[in-house]
C-alpha atoms as a PDB file:
ATOM      1  CA  MET A   1      -1.369  42.326 -50.562  1.00  0.00           C
ATOM      2  CA  THR A   2       2.129  42.277 -48.211  1.00  0.00           C
ATOM      3  CA  ASP A   3       5.272  39.878 -49.060  1.00  0.00           C
ATOM      4  CA  THR A   4       4.457  37.811 -46.020  1.00  0.00           C
ATOM      5  CA  HIS A   5       1.105  36.500 -47.971  1.00  0.00           C
ATOM      6  CA  ARG A   6       3.089  36.016 -50.724  1.00  0.00           C
ATOM      7  CA  ARG A   7       4.369  32.106 -52.051  1.00  0.00           C
ATOM      8  CA  ASP A   8       6.967  31.510 -55.122  1.00  0.00           C
ATOM      9  CA  SER A   9       5.169  28.885 -56.292  1.00  0.00           C
ATOM     10  CA  TYR A  10       1.463  27.118 -57.227  1.00  0.00           C
ATOM     11  CA  VAL A  11       1.186  24.027 -56.230  1.00  0.00           C
ATOM     12  CA  SER A  12      -1.590  22.065 -57.833  1.00  0.00           C
ATOM     13  CA  THR A  13      -5.271  21.451 -56.305  1.00  0.00           C
ATOM     14  CA  GLN A  14      -6.035  18.295 -58.328  1.00  0.00           C
ATOM     15  CA  GLY A  15      -6.407  16.166 -55.665  1.00  0.00           C
ATOM     16  CA  ALA A  16      -5.632  17.626 -52.627  1.00  0.00           C
ATOM     17  CA  LEU A  17      -9.488  17.271 -51.490  1.00  0.00           C
ATOM     18  CA  ALA A  18     -10.073  13.704 -52.312  1.00  0.00           C
ATOM     19  CA  GLY A  19     -12.557  12.688 -48.935  1.00  0.00           C
ATOM     20  CA  ARG A  20     -13.966  15.884 -48.504  1.00  0.00           C
ATOM     21  CA  ILE A  21     -16.986  17.087 -48.451  1.00  0.00           C
ATOM     22  CA  ALA A  22     -18.861  20.160 -49.952  1.00  0.00           C
ATOM     23  CA  LEU A  23     -21.740  22.231 -50.112  1.00  0.00           C
ATOM     24  CA  VAL A  24     -21.969  25.019 -52.803  1.00  0.00           C
ATOM     25  CA  ALA A  25     -24.518  26.430 -52.372  1.00  0.00           C
ATOM     26  CA  GLY A  26     -25.760  28.420 -55.341  1.00  0.00           C
ATOM     27  CA  ALA A  27     -24.362  26.816 -57.929  1.00  0.00           C
ATOM     28  CA  THR A  28     -26.900  26.435 -61.122  1.00  0.00           C
ATOM     29  CA  ARG A  29     -24.077  29.034 -63.136  1.00  0.00           C
ATOM     30  CA  GLY A  30     -21.848  31.656 -62.741  1.00  0.00           C
ATOM     31  CA  ALA A  31     -18.980  31.409 -60.318  1.00  0.00           C
ATOM     32  CA  GLY A  32     -21.352  29.125 -58.169  1.00  0.00           C
ATOM     33  CA  ARG A  33     -21.177  26.398 -60.231  1.00  0.00           C
ATOM     34  CA  ALA A  34     -17.739  27.069 -61.062  1.00  0.00           C
ATOM     35  CA  MET A  35     -16.462  26.843 -57.943  1.00  0.00           C
ATOM     36  CA  ALA A  36     -18.594  23.978 -57.689  1.00  0.00           C
ATOM     37  CA  VAL A  37     -16.651  22.506 -61.033  1.00  0.00           C
ATOM     38  CA  GLU A  38     -12.981  23.017 -59.101  1.00  0.00           C
ATOM     39  CA  LEU A  39     -13.701  21.971 -56.176  1.00  0.00           C
ATOM     40  CA  GLY A  40     -14.473  18.658 -58.442  1.00  0.00           C
ATOM     41  CA  ALA A  41     -11.605  18.769 -60.179  1.00  0.00           C
ATOM     42  CA  ALA A  42      -9.319  18.580 -56.826  1.00  0.00           C
ATOM     43  CA  GLY A  43     -11.290  15.598 -55.902  1.00  0.00           C
ATOM     44  CA  ALA A  44     -13.844  17.122 -53.166  1.00  0.00           C
ATOM     45  CA  THR A  45     -17.490  15.284 -53.525  1.00  0.00           C
ATOM     46  CA  VAL A  46     -19.649  18.451 -53.774  1.00  0.00           C
ATOM     47  CA  TYR A  47     -23.325  18.556 -53.628  1.00  0.00           C
ATOM     48  CA  VAL A  48     -24.833  21.484 -55.348  1.00  0.00           C
ATOM     49  CA  THR A  49     -27.715  23.388 -54.699  1.00  0.00           C
ATOM     50  CA  GLY A  50     -30.321  25.663 -56.558  1.00  0.00           C
ATOM     51  CA  ARG A  51     -33.714  26.126 -57.714  1.00  0.00           C
ATOM     52  CA  THR A  52     -33.701  25.605 -61.718  1.00  0.00           C
ATOM     53  CA  THR A  53     -33.908  22.078 -62.725  1.00  0.00           C
ATOM     54  CA  ARG A  54     -34.730  20.349 -66.068  1.00  0.00           C
ATOM     55  CA  GLU A  55     -38.189  20.527 -64.911  1.00  0.00           C
ATOM     56  CA  ARG A  56     -38.710  23.437 -63.513  1.00  0.00           C
ATOM     57  CA  ALA A  57     -36.687  27.651 -63.653  1.00  0.00           C
ATOM     58  CA  SER A  58     -36.148  29.834 -60.586  1.00  0.00           C
ATOM     59  CA  GLU A  59     -37.604  33.871 -61.127  1.00  0.00           C
ATOM     60  CA  VAL A  60     -34.171  34.028 -62.805  1.00  0.00           C
ATOM     61  CA  GLY A  61     -35.470  32.906 -66.201  1.00  0.00           C
ATOM     62  CA  ARG A  62     -32.085  31.113 -67.676  1.00  0.00           C
ATOM     63  CA  THR A  63     -33.480  27.674 -68.493  1.00  0.00           C
ATOM     64  CA  THR A  64     -30.544  26.573 -70.321  1.00  0.00           C
ATOM     65  CA  GLU A  65     -28.243  26.596 -66.908  1.00  0.00           C
ATOM     66  CA  THR A  66     -29.524  23.060 -64.370  1.00  0.00           C
ATOM     67  CA  ILE A  67     -28.163  21.949 -61.025  1.00  0.00           C
ATOM     68  CA  GLU A  68     -28.639  18.741 -62.544  1.00  0.00           C
ATOM     69  CA  GLU A  69     -25.431  20.033 -65.613  1.00  0.00           C
ATOM     70  CA  THR A  70     -23.956  21.426 -62.212  1.00  0.00           C
ATOM     71  CA  ALA A  71     -23.684  17.929 -60.978  1.00  0.00           C
ATOM     72  CA  GLU A  72     -22.721  16.274 -63.957  1.00  0.00           C
ATOM     73  CA  LEU A  73     -20.205  18.952 -64.619  1.00  0.00           C
ATOM     74  CA  VAL A  74     -18.640  18.058 -61.319  1.00  0.00           C
ATOM     75  CA  THR A  75     -17.998  14.703 -61.673  1.00  0.00           C
ATOM     76  CA  ALA A  76     -16.883  14.934 -64.977  1.00  0.00           C
ATOM     77  CA  ALA A  77     -14.026  17.336 -63.613  1.00  0.00           C
ATOM     78  CA  GLY A  78     -13.139  14.364 -61.900  1.00  0.00           C
ATOM     79  CA  GLY A  79     -14.684  14.638 -58.325  1.00  0.00           C
ATOM     80  CA  GLU A  80     -18.252  13.387 -57.437  1.00  0.00           C
ATOM     81  CA  GLY A  81     -20.868  16.137 -58.059  1.00  0.00           C
ATOM     82  CA  ILE A  82     -24.669  15.687 -56.032  1.00  0.00           C
ATOM     83  CA  ALA A  83     -27.639  18.067 -57.165  1.00  0.00           C
ATOM     84  CA  VAL A  84     -29.808  18.603 -54.708  1.00  0.00           C
ATOM     85  CA  PRO A  85     -32.498  20.950 -55.923  1.00  0.00           C
ATOM     86  CA  THR A  86     -33.084  23.916 -53.027  1.00  0.00           C
ATOM     87  CA  ASP A  87     -34.399  26.870 -52.438  1.00  0.00           C
ATOM     88  CA  HIS A  88     -33.230  29.127 -49.608  1.00  0.00           C
ATOM     89  CA  LEU A  89     -35.643  30.383 -48.310  1.00  0.00           C
ATOM     90  CA  GLU A  90     -37.019  27.786 -47.204  1.00  0.00           C
ATOM     91  CA  PRO A  91     -35.981  26.866 -44.067  1.00  0.00           C
ATOM     92  CA  GLU A  92     -37.080  23.367 -43.721  1.00  0.00           C
ATOM     93  CA  ARG A  93     -35.956  22.308 -47.116  1.00  0.00           C
ATOM     94  CA  VAL A  94     -32.327  23.619 -45.778  1.00  0.00           C
ATOM     95  CA  GLN A  95     -32.809  21.398 -42.939  1.00  0.00           C
ATOM     96  CA  ALA A  96     -33.328  18.837 -44.754  1.00  0.00           C
ATOM     97  CA  LEU A  97     -30.493  19.552 -46.836  1.00  0.00           C
ATOM     98  CA  VAL A  98     -28.196  18.984 -44.491  1.00  0.00           C
ATOM     99  CA  GLU A  99     -29.440  16.075 -42.704  1.00  0.00           C
ATOM    100  CA  ARG A 100     -29.299  14.214 -45.837  1.00  0.00           C
ATOM    101  CA  ILE A 101     -25.280  15.477 -46.048  1.00  0.00           C
ATOM    102  CA  ASP A 102     -25.159  14.087 -42.322  1.00  0.00           C
ATOM    103  CA  ARG A 103     -26.516  11.470 -43.584  1.00  0.00           C
ATOM    104  CA  GLU A 104     -24.181  10.393 -46.685  1.00  0.00           C
ATOM    105  CA  ARG A 105     -21.378  11.711 -45.104  1.00  0.00           C
ATOM    106  CA  GLY A 106     -21.584  11.923 -41.352  1.00  0.00           C
ATOM    107  CA  ARG A 107     -19.232  15.417 -42.462  1.00  0.00           C
ATOM    108  CA  LEU A 108     -18.997  18.658 -44.209  1.00  0.00           C
ATOM    109  CA  ASP A 109     -15.472  20.187 -44.263  1.00  0.00           C
ATOM    110  CA  ILE A 110     -16.413  23.186 -47.066  1.00  0.00           C
ATOM    111  CA  LEU A 111     -19.753  25.484 -46.732  1.00  0.00           C
ATOM    112  CA  VAL A 112     -19.589  27.918 -49.564  1.00  0.00           C
ATOM    113  CA  ASN A 113     -22.479  30.522 -49.801  1.00  0.00           C
ATOM    114  CA  ASP A 114     -22.767  31.668 -53.197  1.00  0.00           C
ATOM    115  CA  LEU A 115     -26.748  32.631 -53.229  1.00  0.00           C
ATOM    116  CA  TRP A 116     -27.648  34.982 -55.027  1.00  0.00           C
ATOM    117  CA  GLY A 117     -30.330  35.974 -58.180  1.00  0.00           C
ATOM    118  CA  GLY A 118     -31.698  39.445 -57.589  1.00  0.00           C
ATOM    119  CA  GLU A 119     -29.489  40.767 -61.027  1.00  0.00           C
ATOM    120  CA  ALA A 120     -33.079  41.766 -62.242  1.00  0.00           C
ATOM    121  CA  LEU A 121     -34.585  43.113 -59.277  1.00  0.00           C
ATOM    122  CA  ILE A 122     -31.583  46.359 -59.240  1.00  0.00           C
ATOM    123  CA  GLU A 123     -32.178  49.588 -59.849  1.00  0.00           C
ATOM    124  CA  PHE A 124     -29.429  52.388 -60.208  1.00  0.00           C
ATOM    125  CA  ASP A 125     -29.474  55.633 -59.939  1.00  0.00           C
ATOM    126  CA  LYS A 126     -32.832  56.370 -58.006  1.00  0.00           C
ATOM    127  CA  LYS A 127     -32.324  57.480 -54.665  1.00  0.00           C
ATOM    128  CA  THR A 128     -34.537  54.687 -52.215  1.00  0.00           C
ATOM    129  CA  TRP A 129     -37.995  55.996 -51.897  1.00  0.00           C
ATOM    130  CA  GLU A 130     -38.112  56.436 -55.760  1.00  0.00           C
ATOM    131  CA  THR A 131     -37.371  52.824 -55.912  1.00  0.00           C
ATOM    132  CA  ASN A 132     -39.712  49.246 -55.931  1.00  0.00           C
ATOM    133  CA  LEU A 133     -39.731  48.332 -52.486  1.00  0.00           C
ATOM    134  CA  THR A 134     -41.235  44.758 -52.619  1.00  0.00           C
ATOM    135  CA  SER A 135     -37.426  44.424 -55.722  1.00  0.00           C
ATOM    136  CA  GLY A 136     -35.316  45.830 -53.016  1.00  0.00           C
ATOM    137  CA  LEU A 137     -36.690  43.952 -49.857  1.00  0.00           C
ATOM    138  CA  ARG A 138     -36.792  40.485 -52.035  1.00  0.00           C
ATOM    139  CA  MET A 139     -32.658  41.727 -52.896  1.00  0.00           C
ATOM    140  CA  LEU A 140     -31.849  41.683 -48.866  1.00  0.00           C
ATOM    141  CA  ARG A 141     -33.677  38.044 -48.842  1.00  0.00           C
ATOM    142  CA  LEU A 142     -32.330  36.366 -51.999  1.00  0.00           C
ATOM    143  CA  GLY A 143     -28.735  37.947 -50.419  1.00  0.00           C
ATOM    144  CA  ILE A 144     -28.710  38.081 -46.825  1.00  0.00           C
ATOM    145  CA  GLU A 145     -31.317  35.815 -45.514  1.00  0.00           C
ATOM    146  CA  THR A 146     -30.988  32.796 -47.470  1.00  0.00           C
ATOM    147  CA  HIS A 147     -26.492  32.911 -46.035  1.00  0.00           C
ATOM    148  CA  LEU A 148     -28.669  32.917 -42.961  1.00  0.00           C
ATOM    149  CA  ILE A 149     -30.575  30.471 -43.009  1.00  0.00           C
ATOM    150  CA  THR A 150     -27.451  27.947 -44.700  1.00  0.00           C
ATOM    151  CA  LEU A 151     -25.354  28.954 -41.658  1.00  0.00           C
ATOM    152  CA  TYR A 152     -28.346  28.251 -39.121  1.00  0.00           C
ATOM    153  CA  TYR A 153     -28.389  24.950 -40.018  1.00  0.00           C
ATOM    154  CA  ALA A 154     -25.257  23.747 -41.538  1.00  0.00           C
ATOM    155  CA  LEU A 155     -23.076  24.953 -38.979  1.00  0.00           C
ATOM    156  CA  PRO A 156     -23.315  22.528 -36.691  1.00  0.00           C
ATOM    157  CA  LEU A 157     -22.103  19.537 -39.724  1.00  0.00           C
ATOM    158  CA  LEU A 158     -19.483  21.545 -40.375  1.00  0.00           C
ATOM    159  CA  VAL A 159     -18.143  22.478 -37.284  1.00  0.00           C
ATOM    160  CA  ARG A 160     -18.058  18.901 -35.814  1.00  0.00           C
ATOM    161  CA  ASN A 161     -14.659  18.322 -37.362  1.00  0.00           C
ATOM    162  CA  PRO A 162     -11.667  20.163 -36.941  1.00  0.00           C
ATOM    163  CA  GLY A 163     -10.206  22.164 -40.148  1.00  0.00           C
ATOM    164  CA  GLY A 164     -14.201  23.338 -42.284  1.00  0.00           C
ATOM    165  CA  LEU A 165     -14.125  25.949 -44.144  1.00  0.00           C
ATOM    166  CA  VAL A 166     -16.663  28.406 -44.762  1.00  0.00           C
ATOM    167  CA  VAL A 167     -17.012  31.670 -47.902  1.00  0.00           C
ATOM    168  CA  GLU A 168     -18.876  34.172 -48.202  1.00  0.00           C
ATOM    169  CA  ILE A 169     -19.168  34.923 -52.012  1.00  0.00           C
ATOM    170  CA  THR A 170     -20.224  38.678 -52.198  1.00  0.00           C
ATOM    171  CA  ASP A 171     -19.420  41.697 -54.808  1.00  0.00           C
ATOM    172  CA  GLY A 172     -16.340  43.764 -54.120  1.00  0.00           C
ATOM    173  CA  ASN A 173     -14.010  43.689 -50.862  1.00  0.00           C
ATOM    174  CA  GLU A 174     -14.739  45.998 -47.752  1.00  0.00           C
ATOM    175  CA  GLU A 175     -11.820  48.494 -49.300  1.00  0.00           C
ATOM    176  CA  PHE A 176     -13.890  48.130 -52.305  1.00  0.00           C
ATOM    177  CA  ASN A 177     -17.168  48.548 -51.546  1.00  0.00           C
ATOM    178  CA  LYS A 178     -16.536  51.995 -49.694  1.00  0.00           C
ATOM    179  CA  THR A 179     -17.758  53.303 -52.473  1.00  0.00           C
ATOM    180  CA  TYR A 180     -21.230  53.521 -52.575  1.00  0.00           C
ATOM    181  CA  ARG A 181     -23.081  50.964 -55.136  1.00  0.00           C
ATOM    182  CA  VAL A 182     -25.076  53.653 -55.980  1.00  0.00           C
ATOM    183  CA  ASN A 183     -28.403  51.187 -54.413  1.00  0.00           C
ATOM    184  CA  LEU A 184     -28.727  51.500 -50.780  1.00  0.00           C
ATOM    185  CA  PHE A 185     -30.464  47.517 -51.139  1.00  0.00           C
ATOM    186  CA  PHE A 186     -28.373  46.500 -53.575  1.00  0.00           C
ATOM    187  CA  ASP A 187     -25.583  48.016 -51.284  1.00  0.00           C
ATOM    188  CA  ILE A 188     -26.494  46.479 -48.010  1.00  0.00           C
ATOM    189  CA  THR A 189     -27.406  43.299 -49.946  1.00  0.00           C
ATOM    190  CA  LYS A 190     -23.155  43.248 -51.187  1.00  0.00           C
ATOM    191  CA  ASN A 191     -21.880  44.274 -47.469  1.00  0.00           C
ATOM    192  CA  ALA A 192     -23.235  41.226 -45.639  1.00  0.00           C
ATOM    193  CA  PRO A 193     -21.148  38.573 -46.497  1.00  0.00           C
ATOM    194  CA  ILE A 194     -18.115  41.187 -46.048  1.00  0.00           C
ATOM    195  CA  ARG A 195     -19.437  41.803 -42.283  1.00  0.00           C
ATOM    196  CA  THR A 196     -20.665  37.813 -41.889  1.00  0.00           C
ATOM    197  CA  ALA A 197     -17.344  36.059 -42.513  1.00  0.00           C
ATOM    198  CA  PHE A 198     -16.060  38.640 -40.161  1.00  0.00           C
ATOM    199  CA  GLY A 199     -18.622  37.325 -37.415  1.00  0.00           C
ATOM    200  CA  LEU A 200     -18.125  33.741 -38.369  1.00  0.00           C
ATOM    201  CA  ALA A 201     -14.418  33.795 -37.747  1.00  0.00           C
ATOM    202  CA  GLN A 202     -14.943  34.807 -34.015  1.00  0.00           C
ATOM    203  CA  GLU A 203     -17.835  32.629 -33.782  1.00  0.00           C
ATOM    204  CA  LEU A 204     -15.628  29.151 -35.327  1.00  0.00           C
ATOM    205  CA  LYS A 205     -11.907  30.057 -34.264  1.00  0.00           C
ATOM    206  CA  GLU A 206     -12.553  28.107 -31.437  1.00  0.00           C
ATOM    207  CA  PHE A 207     -13.377  25.122 -33.096  1.00  0.00           C
ATOM    208  CA  ASP A 208     -10.216  25.537 -36.112  1.00  0.00           C
ATOM    209  CA  ALA A 209     -12.452  27.008 -38.824  1.00  0.00           C
ATOM    210  CA  THR A 210     -12.116  29.226 -41.247  1.00  0.00           C
ATOM    211  CA  ALA A 211     -14.391  32.165 -42.429  1.00  0.00           C
ATOM    212  CA  VAL A 212     -13.249  34.111 -45.748  1.00  0.00           C
ATOM    213  CA  CYS A 213     -15.224  36.571 -47.884  1.00  0.00           C
ATOM    214  CA  LEU A 214     -14.703  36.042 -51.641  1.00  0.00           C
ATOM    215  CA  SER A 215     -15.147  38.187 -55.111  1.00  0.00           C
ATOM    216  CA  PRO A 216     -14.572  37.633 -58.068  1.00  0.00           C
ATOM    217  CA  GLY A 217     -13.175  40.360 -60.139  1.00  0.00           C
ATOM    218  CA  PHE A 218     -15.718  41.779 -63.313  1.00  0.00           C
ATOM    219  CA  LEU A 219     -16.629  38.991 -64.077  1.00  0.00           C
ATOM    220  CA  ARG A 220     -17.431  37.056 -67.346  1.00  0.00           C
ATOM    221  CA  SER A 221     -20.827  34.926 -66.266  1.00  0.00           C
ATOM    222  CA  GLU A 222     -22.959  33.108 -68.946  1.00  0.00           C
ATOM    223  CA  GLN A 223     -25.790  36.189 -68.334  1.00  0.00           C
ATOM    224  CA  MET A 224     -23.428  38.847 -68.918  1.00  0.00           C
ATOM    225  CA  LEU A 225     -21.891  37.419 -71.788  1.00  0.00           C
ATOM    226  CA  ASP A 226     -25.314  36.597 -73.135  1.00  0.00           C
ATOM    227  CA  HIS A 227     -26.045  40.940 -71.614  1.00  0.00           C
ATOM    228  CA  PHE A 228     -23.259  41.997 -74.578  1.00  0.00           C
ATOM    229  CA  GLY A 229     -24.284  39.591 -76.730  1.00  0.00           C
ATOM    230  CA  VAL A 230     -21.021  37.268 -77.479  1.00  0.00           C
ATOM    231  CA  THR A 231     -19.749  33.966 -76.283  1.00  0.00           C
ATOM    232  CA  GLU A 232     -17.057  33.115 -74.252  1.00  0.00           C
ATOM    233  CA  GLU A 233     -15.375  32.543 -77.453  1.00  0.00           C
ATOM    234  CA  ASN A 234     -15.536  35.897 -78.675  1.00  0.00           C
ATOM    235  CA  TRP A 235     -15.813  37.704 -75.262  1.00  0.00           C
ATOM    236  CA  ARG A 236     -13.523  40.721 -76.675  1.00  0.00           C
ATOM    237  CA  ASP A 237     -16.108  41.846 -79.013  1.00  0.00           C
ATOM    238  CA  ALA A 238     -17.673  43.043 -75.813  1.00  0.00           C
ATOM    239  CA  VAL A 239     -14.627  46.067 -74.964  1.00  0.00           C
ATOM    240  CA  GLU A 240     -16.089  47.837 -77.271  1.00  0.00           C
ATOM    241  CA  GLN A 241     -18.761  48.188 -75.929  1.00  0.00           C
ATOM    242  CA  GLU A 242     -17.009  48.123 -72.970  1.00  0.00           C
ATOM    243  CA  PRO A 243     -14.250  48.865 -71.970  1.00  0.00           C
ATOM    244  CA  HIS A 244     -13.387  47.025 -68.821  1.00  0.00           C
ATOM    245  CA  PHE A 245     -14.761  44.392 -69.662  1.00  0.00           C
ATOM    246  CA  ALA A 246     -10.898  43.729 -70.934  1.00  0.00           C
ATOM    247  CA  ILE A 247     -10.100  43.282 -67.455  1.00  0.00           C
ATOM    248  CA  ALA A 248     -12.630  39.935 -67.258  1.00  0.00           C
ATOM    249  CA  GLU A 249     -11.989  36.737 -65.534  1.00  0.00           C
ATOM    250  CA  THR A 250     -14.031  33.378 -66.306  1.00  0.00           C
ATOM    251  CA  PRO A 251     -15.656  32.065 -63.245  1.00  0.00           C
ATOM    252  CA  HIS A 252     -13.476  29.749 -62.826  1.00  0.00           C
ATOM    253  CA  PHE A 253     -11.140  31.913 -62.283  1.00  0.00           C
ATOM    254  CA  VAL A 254     -12.702  32.463 -58.581  1.00  0.00           C
ATOM    255  CA  GLY A 255     -13.586  28.521 -58.299  1.00  0.00           C
ATOM    256  CA  ARG A 256      -9.595  28.230 -58.463  1.00  0.00           C
ATOM    257  CA  ALA A 257      -9.274  30.839 -55.443  1.00  0.00           C
ATOM    258  CA  VAL A 258     -11.945  28.572 -53.293  1.00  0.00           C
ATOM    259  CA  ALA A 259     -10.288  25.332 -54.234  1.00  0.00           C
ATOM    260  CA  ALA A 260      -7.037  27.169 -53.263  1.00  0.00           C
ATOM    261  CA  LEU A 261      -8.110  28.485 -50.219  1.00  0.00           C
ATOM    262  CA  ALA A 262      -9.640  24.818 -49.081  1.00  0.00           C
ATOM    263  CA  ALA A 263      -6.731  23.337 -49.789  1.00  0.00           C
ATOM    264  CA  ASP A 264      -4.421  26.037 -47.942  1.00  0.00           C
ATOM    265  CA  PRO A 265      -3.526  24.114 -44.211  1.00  0.00           C
ATOM    266  CA  ASP A 266      -2.434  27.411 -43.212  1.00  0.00           C
ATOM    267  CA  ARG A 267      -6.208  29.441 -44.715  1.00  0.00           C
ATOM    268  CA  ALA A 268      -7.228  30.049 -41.296  1.00  0.00           C
ATOM    269  CA  ARG A 269      -4.860  33.148 -42.312  1.00  0.00           C
ATOM    270  CA  TRP A 270      -7.265  34.926 -44.509  1.00  0.00           C
ATOM    271  CA  SER A 271     -10.505  33.774 -41.339  1.00  0.00           C
ATOM    272  CA  GLY A 272     -12.514  37.422 -40.736  1.00  0.00           C
ATOM    273  CA  LYS A 273     -11.001  38.873 -44.529  1.00  0.00           C
ATOM    274  CA  SER A 274     -12.469  40.001 -47.456  1.00  0.00           C
ATOM    275  CA  VAL A 275     -10.476  39.480 -50.690  1.00  0.00           C
ATOM    276  CA  PHE A 276     -10.345  38.959 -54.256  1.00  0.00           C
ATOM    277  CA  SER A 277     -10.025  36.546 -56.274  1.00  0.00           C
ATOM    278  CA  GLY A 278      -6.904  38.125 -58.165  1.00  0.00           C
ATOM    279  CA  GLU A 279      -5.190  38.746 -54.852  1.00  0.00           C
ATOM    280  CA  LEU A 280      -5.469  35.164 -53.697  1.00  0.00           C
ATOM    281  CA  ALA A 281      -4.246  34.639 -57.574  1.00  0.00           C
ATOM    282  CA  LYS A 282      -0.527  36.432 -56.474  1.00  0.00           C
ATOM    283  CA  VAL A 283      -0.057  34.170 -52.947  1.00  0.00           C
ATOM    284  CA  TYR A 284      -1.543  30.755 -54.622  1.00  0.00           C
ATOM    285  CA  GLY A 285      -0.596  31.318 -57.977  1.00  0.00           C
ATOM    286  CA  PHE A 286      -3.054  29.410 -59.967  1.00  0.00           C
ATOM    287  CA  THR A 287      -4.412  31.593 -63.300  1.00  0.00           C
ATOM    288  CA  ASP A 288      -7.644  31.959 -65.287  1.00  0.00           C
ATOM    289  CA  LEU A 289      -8.674  29.329 -67.807  1.00  0.00           C
ATOM    290  CA  ASP A 290      -6.323  31.182 -70.722  1.00  0.00           C
ATOM    291  CA  GLY A 291      -3.071  30.975 -68.527  1.00  0.00           C
ATOM    292  CA  SER A 292      -3.576  34.881 -67.588  1.00  0.00           C
ATOM    293  CA  ARG A 293      -3.888  36.329 -64.174  1.00  0.00           C
ATOM    294  CA  PRO A 294      -6.126  38.917 -63.773  1.00  0.00           C
ATOM    295  CA  ASP A 295      -5.945  41.667 -61.177  1.00  0.00           C
ATOM    296  CA  GLY A 296      -9.333  43.139 -61.463  1.00  0.00           C
ATOM    297  CA  VAL A 297      -9.408  45.560 -58.374  1.00  0.00           C
ATOM    298  CA  GLY A 298      -6.053  46.497 -59.131  1.00  0.00           C
ATOM    299  CA  TYR A 299      -7.441  47.933 -62.305  1.00  0.00           C
ATOM    300  CA  PHE A 300     -10.420  49.784 -61.006  1.00  0.00           C
ATOM    301  CA  ARG A 301      -8.161  51.234 -58.057  1.00  0.00           C
ATOM    302  CA  ASP A 302      -4.822  52.182 -59.987  1.00  0.00           C
ATOM    303  CA  ILE A 303      -6.592  53.312 -64.368  1.00  0.00           C
ATOM    304  CA  VAL A 304     -10.275  53.199 -63.473  1.00  0.00           C
ATOM    305  CA  PHE A 305     -10.439  54.937 -60.075  1.00  0.00           C
ATOM    306  CA  GLY A 306      -6.987  56.225 -59.875  1.00  0.00           C
ATOM    307  CA  GLY A 307      -6.363  57.851 -62.998  1.00  0.00           C
ATOM    308  CA  LYS A 308      -2.986  56.096 -63.872  1.00  0.00           C
ATOM    309  CA  GLU A 309      -1.670  55.616 -66.899  1.00  0.00           C
ATOM    310  CA  GLY A 310      -2.326  51.216 -68.394  1.00  0.00           C
ATOM    311  CA  THR A 311      -4.416  49.132 -69.899  1.00  0.00           C
ATOM    312  CA  ALA A 312      -6.477  46.592 -68.859  1.00  0.00           C
ATOM    313  CA  GLU A 313      -3.670  43.911 -70.282  1.00  0.00           C
ATOM    314  CA  ASP A 314      -1.186  45.696 -67.864  1.00  0.00           C
ATOM    315  CA  TYR A 315      -3.450  43.580 -65.597  1.00  0.00           C
ATOM    316  CA  ARG A 316      -3.749  40.368 -66.409  1.00  0.00           C
END
C-alpha cells in the first residue's frame, strides 16, 4: 500500500449510506451476512439473498443461519433489511429480483457479489484428473456462473445513476493467488472475480461506476468456528490446533471494508484492483469488532511464506 492511499484518521460510516440501495447476493452467513449488516449500520437499504430460509436449507446444509435472520440483523443495525430467497443459478429468479428492486426503489447503488457455497466440494492434494468432475464443475457454477448471471441482470439498474459500486468477493487478491490454490477448479473459481472486477472497471468507467475485488483475510466465519469446535467467545482456543488462526478476523472486518468503500467519494481509485480487508483498514482506519486491525496478508507474506521472525500479534 502506497503512502498516497493512506489517511490519517477514520471517519465513521454511520449514516453515510442513508438513501442508498444495496444488494448483497449471497448474504445468508459469513462475510455476506456481515457485509449486509455493516451496510445497514451505515444507513443503507439492503436486499439480501441466499438459498437457506427458515423453511428450506441449501446444499450447504446449515439450517442455523437463514436469509430472513440476516435481513432482521440489517434492520436492527440501523438500516432496512429485505430478504429475497434466490438461487442465483436460475436466471429468471435473478431477473425477478432485480425487477423487484427497480419497482420498489427505482435504483441500485451497491452490488456485492458474494455468491459461493462450494467449500464441501474442494478436494485438496489431488491431481485434476483424480478429483470428482461433477464436484469441480459445480464449484465453477457456484462461484463463477452465479456472479455473471447476477451482473447481467443487475448492472443495467446500477448504471442508471452515476456513482455505483460493484464489489466482487473472493479468496485472496491477485498477488496472493499467484500461488496455486492446490485444486484447479477452486483456483479458477477464486481467480475469476479478480479478473471480473478488472474487466468491469473498464466497462463501468463511462458510467462513473467502480468495480473492486475484495477478499477477507483468514475469515473467522460460523463454518470455520464450527470446524475448530470453538465459538466467537473462545475462538483463540483453536490456535493450538491451527497456529495461523491467531490472525483470524471476524466477518465484520470485511463488512466494514465494504461500507468504507461505499461511503468514499474517491472510491474510483480502487477500480479494477483486488485488495484485502486488512489493506483497506490501513487506509480507512476501521477496526475489527475487538478493536484490532488484523493484517492477514502481511502476516502470511512475511511470517508464513517469508520466514520473518514474528507472531500474529505483531500484525493485529
